[in-house]
Amino acid sequence: MPGPTELLILLVIFALVFGTKKLRGMGGDLGSAIKSFKSALKDDDKQDESNKGNDESEK
């Protein structure tokens, strides 16, 4: 597991290679992707619960 010094060096290298604007954009894209993934999981759980209730009422 890299320590804080190694992480700082990697961050500086990424900033030099990609540039700060591109890193900021990639971070925003990653955040929105995670947010939509979590909301899709919640929606799927709600569907499973509603389907479970319908299955039990049919019996």
N, C-alpha and C. Protein backbone atom coordinates (compact mmCIF):
# COMPACT_ATOMS: atom_id res chain seq x y z
N MET A 1 0.85 -1.17 0.00
CA MET A 1 0.00 0.00 0.00
C MET A 1 0.89 1.23 0.00
N PRO A 2 0.70 2.11 -1.00
CA PRO A 2 1.56 3.29 -1.06
C PRO A 2 1.23 4.27 0.06
N GLY A 3 2.26 4.92 0.53
CA GLY A 3 2.10 5.91 1.59
C GLY A 3 1.70 7.25 1.02
N PRO A 4 1.55 8.25 1.87
CA PRO A 4 1.12 9.57 1.42
C PRO A 4 2.12 10.25 0.47
N THR A 5 3.39 10.00 0.67
CA THR A 5 4.40 10.60 -0.19
C THR A 5 4.29 10.06 -1.61
N GLU A 6 4.12 8.74 -1.73
CA GLU A 6 3.98 8.14 -3.05
C GLU A 6 2.71 8.61 -3.75
N LEU A 7 1.62 8.75 -2.99
CA LEU A 7 0.37 9.22 -3.58
C LEU A 7 0.51 10.66 -4.07
N LEU A 8 1.21 11.48 -3.34
CA LEU A 8 1.44 12.87 -3.75
C LEU A 8 2.27 12.92 -5.03
N ILE A 9 3.29 12.09 -5.12
CA ILE A 9 4.12 12.04 -6.33
C ILE A 9 3.28 11.59 -7.52
N LEU A 10 2.44 10.58 -7.33
CA LEU A 10 1.57 10.12 -8.42
C LEU A 10 0.59 11.20 -8.85
N LEU A 11 0.05 11.95 -7.91
CA LEU A 11 -0.87 13.03 -8.23
C LEU A 11 -0.18 14.10 -9.06
N VAL A 12 1.04 14.46 -8.71
CA VAL A 12 1.80 15.45 -9.48
C VAL A 12 2.07 14.94 -10.88
N ILE A 13 2.44 13.68 -11.02
CA ILE A 13 2.70 13.11 -12.34
C ILE A 13 1.44 13.11 -13.19
N PHE A 14 0.30 12.71 -12.60
CA PHE A 14 -0.96 12.73 -13.34
C PHE A 14 -1.31 14.15 -13.77
N ALA A 15 -1.09 15.13 -12.89
CA ALA A 15 -1.39 16.52 -13.23
C ALA A 15 -0.51 17.00 -14.38
N LEU A 16 0.74 16.58 -14.40
CA LEU A 16 1.63 16.98 -15.49
C LEU A 16 1.25 16.31 -16.80
N VAL A 17 0.87 15.05 -16.75
CA VAL A 17 0.56 14.31 -17.96
C VAL A 17 -0.79 14.74 -18.54
N PHE A 18 -1.83 14.78 -17.72
CA PHE A 18 -3.17 15.04 -18.21
C PHE A 18 -3.58 16.50 -18.15
N GLY A 19 -3.00 17.27 -17.27
CA GLY A 19 -3.43 18.65 -17.07
C GLY A 19 -4.56 18.71 -16.06
N THR A 20 -4.64 19.83 -15.36
CA THR A 20 -5.62 19.93 -14.28
C THR A 20 -7.06 19.99 -14.80
N LYS A 21 -7.28 20.63 -15.95
CA LYS A 21 -8.65 20.73 -16.48
C LYS A 21 -9.18 19.35 -16.87
N LYS A 22 -8.34 18.56 -17.49
CA LYS A 22 -8.79 17.23 -17.91
C LYS A 22 -9.01 16.34 -16.69
N LEU A 23 -8.15 16.45 -15.67
CA LEU A 23 -8.34 15.66 -14.44
C LEU A 23 -9.64 16.06 -13.75
N ARG A 24 -9.93 17.36 -13.73
CA ARG A 24 -11.16 17.83 -13.10
C ARG A 24 -12.37 17.28 -13.85
N GLY A 25 -12.30 17.28 -15.17
CA GLY A 25 -13.40 16.73 -15.98
C GLY A 25 -13.57 15.24 -15.77
N MET A 26 -12.46 14.52 -15.70
CA MET A 26 -12.54 13.07 -15.48
C MET A 26 -13.11 12.78 -14.10
N GLY A 27 -12.75 13.58 -13.11
CA GLY A 27 -13.30 13.39 -11.77
C GLY A 27 -14.80 13.64 -11.73
N GLY A 28 -15.24 14.66 -12.44
CA GLY A 28 -16.68 14.94 -12.50
C GLY A 28 -17.43 13.83 -13.21
N ASP A 29 -16.86 13.33 -14.29
CA ASP A 29 -17.49 12.22 -15.01
C ASP A 29 -17.58 10.97 -14.15
N LEU A 30 -16.51 10.70 -13.42
CA LEU A 30 -16.51 9.54 -12.54
C LEU A 30 -17.54 9.69 -11.43
N GLY A 31 -17.65 10.88 -10.87
CA GLY A 31 -18.64 11.12 -9.82
C GLY A 31 -20.06 10.95 -10.31
N SER A 32 -20.36 11.46 -11.50
CA SER A 32 -21.72 11.31 -12.03
C SER A 32 -22.02 9.86 -12.40
N ALA A 33 -21.00 9.13 -12.84
CA ALA A 33 -21.21 7.71 -13.15
C ALA A 33 -21.52 6.92 -11.88
N ILE A 34 -20.81 7.21 -10.81
CA ILE A 34 -21.06 6.53 -9.54
C ILE A 34 -22.45 6.87 -9.01
N LYS A 35 -22.83 8.15 -9.14
CA LYS A 35 -24.14 8.59 -8.67
C LYS A 35 -25.27 7.88 -9.42
N SER A 36 -25.14 7.78 -10.75
CA SER A 36 -26.19 7.10 -11.52
C SER A 36 -26.20 5.60 -11.25
N PHE A 37 -25.04 5.01 -10.99
CA PHE A 37 -24.98 3.59 -10.65
C PHE A 37 -25.69 3.33 -9.34
N LYS A 38 -25.46 4.17 -8.34
CA LYS A 38 -26.12 3.99 -7.05
C LYS A 38 -27.63 4.17 -7.16
N SER A 39 -28.07 5.16 -7.95
CA SER A 39 -29.51 5.36 -8.09
C SER A 39 -30.15 4.19 -8.84
N ALA A 40 -29.42 3.61 -9.80
CA ALA A 40 -29.95 2.44 -10.51
C ALA A 40 -30.08 1.25 -9.57
N LEU A 41 -29.13 1.09 -8.66
CA LEU A 41 -29.22 0.00 -7.68
C LEU A 41 -30.41 0.19 -6.76
N LYS A 42 -30.66 1.43 -6.33
CA LYS A 42 -31.81 1.70 -5.46
C LYS A 42 -33.12 1.44 -6.19
N ASP A 43 -33.20 1.86 -7.46
CA ASP A 43 -34.41 1.61 -8.24
C ASP A 43 -34.65 0.12 -8.44
N ASP A 44 -33.57 -0.62 -8.65
CA ASP A 44 -33.69 -2.07 -8.84
C ASP A 44 -34.18 -2.73 -7.56
N ASP A 45 -33.69 -2.27 -6.40
CA ASP A 45 -34.14 -2.82 -5.12
C ASP A 45 -35.62 -2.53 -4.91
N LYS A 46 -36.08 -1.33 -5.28
CA LYS A 46 -37.49 -0.99 -5.13
C LYS A 46 -38.35 -1.88 -6.03
N GLN A 47 -37.87 -2.15 -7.25
CA GLN A 47 -38.61 -3.03 -8.16
C GLN A 47 -38.69 -4.43 -7.60
N ASP A 48 -37.61 -4.93 -7.04
CA ASP A 48 -37.61 -6.27 -6.47
C ASP A 48 -38.60 -6.37 -5.32
N GLU A 49 -38.67 -5.33 -4.49
CA GLU A 49 -39.60 -5.35 -3.36
C GLU A 49 -41.04 -5.32 -3.85
N SER A 50 -41.31 -4.51 -4.88
CA SER A 50 -42.69 -4.44 -5.38
C SER A 50 -43.07 -5.74 -6.08
N ASN A 51 -42.14 -6.36 -6.79
CA ASN A 51 -42.42 -7.65 -7.43
C ASN A 51 -42.62 -8.74 -6.39
N LYS A 52 -41.88 -8.66 -5.31
CA LYS A 52 -42.01 -9.65 -4.24
C LYS A 52 -43.42 -9.57 -3.63
N GLY A 53 -43.89 -8.35 -3.43
CA GLY A 53 -45.24 -8.16 -2.87
C GLY A 53 -46.31 -8.67 -3.81
N ASN A 54 -46.13 -8.49 -5.10
CA ASN A 54 -47.11 -8.98 -6.08
C ASN A 54 -47.11 -10.50 -6.13
N ASP A 55 -45.96 -11.11 -6.03
CA ASP A 55 -45.87 -12.57 -6.06
C ASP A 55 -46.57 -13.18 -4.85
N GLU A 56 -46.42 -12.57 -3.69
CA GLU A 56 -47.04 -13.11 -2.49
C GLU A 56 -48.55 -12.93 -2.50
N SER A 57 -49.05 -11.86 -3.10
CA SER A 57 -50.49 -11.64 -3.15
C SER A 57 -51.19 -12.57 -4.14
N GLU A 58 -50.45 -13.08 -5.12
CA GLU A 58 -51.03 -13.99 -6.10
C GLU A 58 -51.22 -15.39 -5.55
N LYS A 59 -50.52 -15.74 -4.49
CA LYS A 59 -50.59 -17.10 -3.93
C LYS A 59 -51.87 -17.36 -3.21
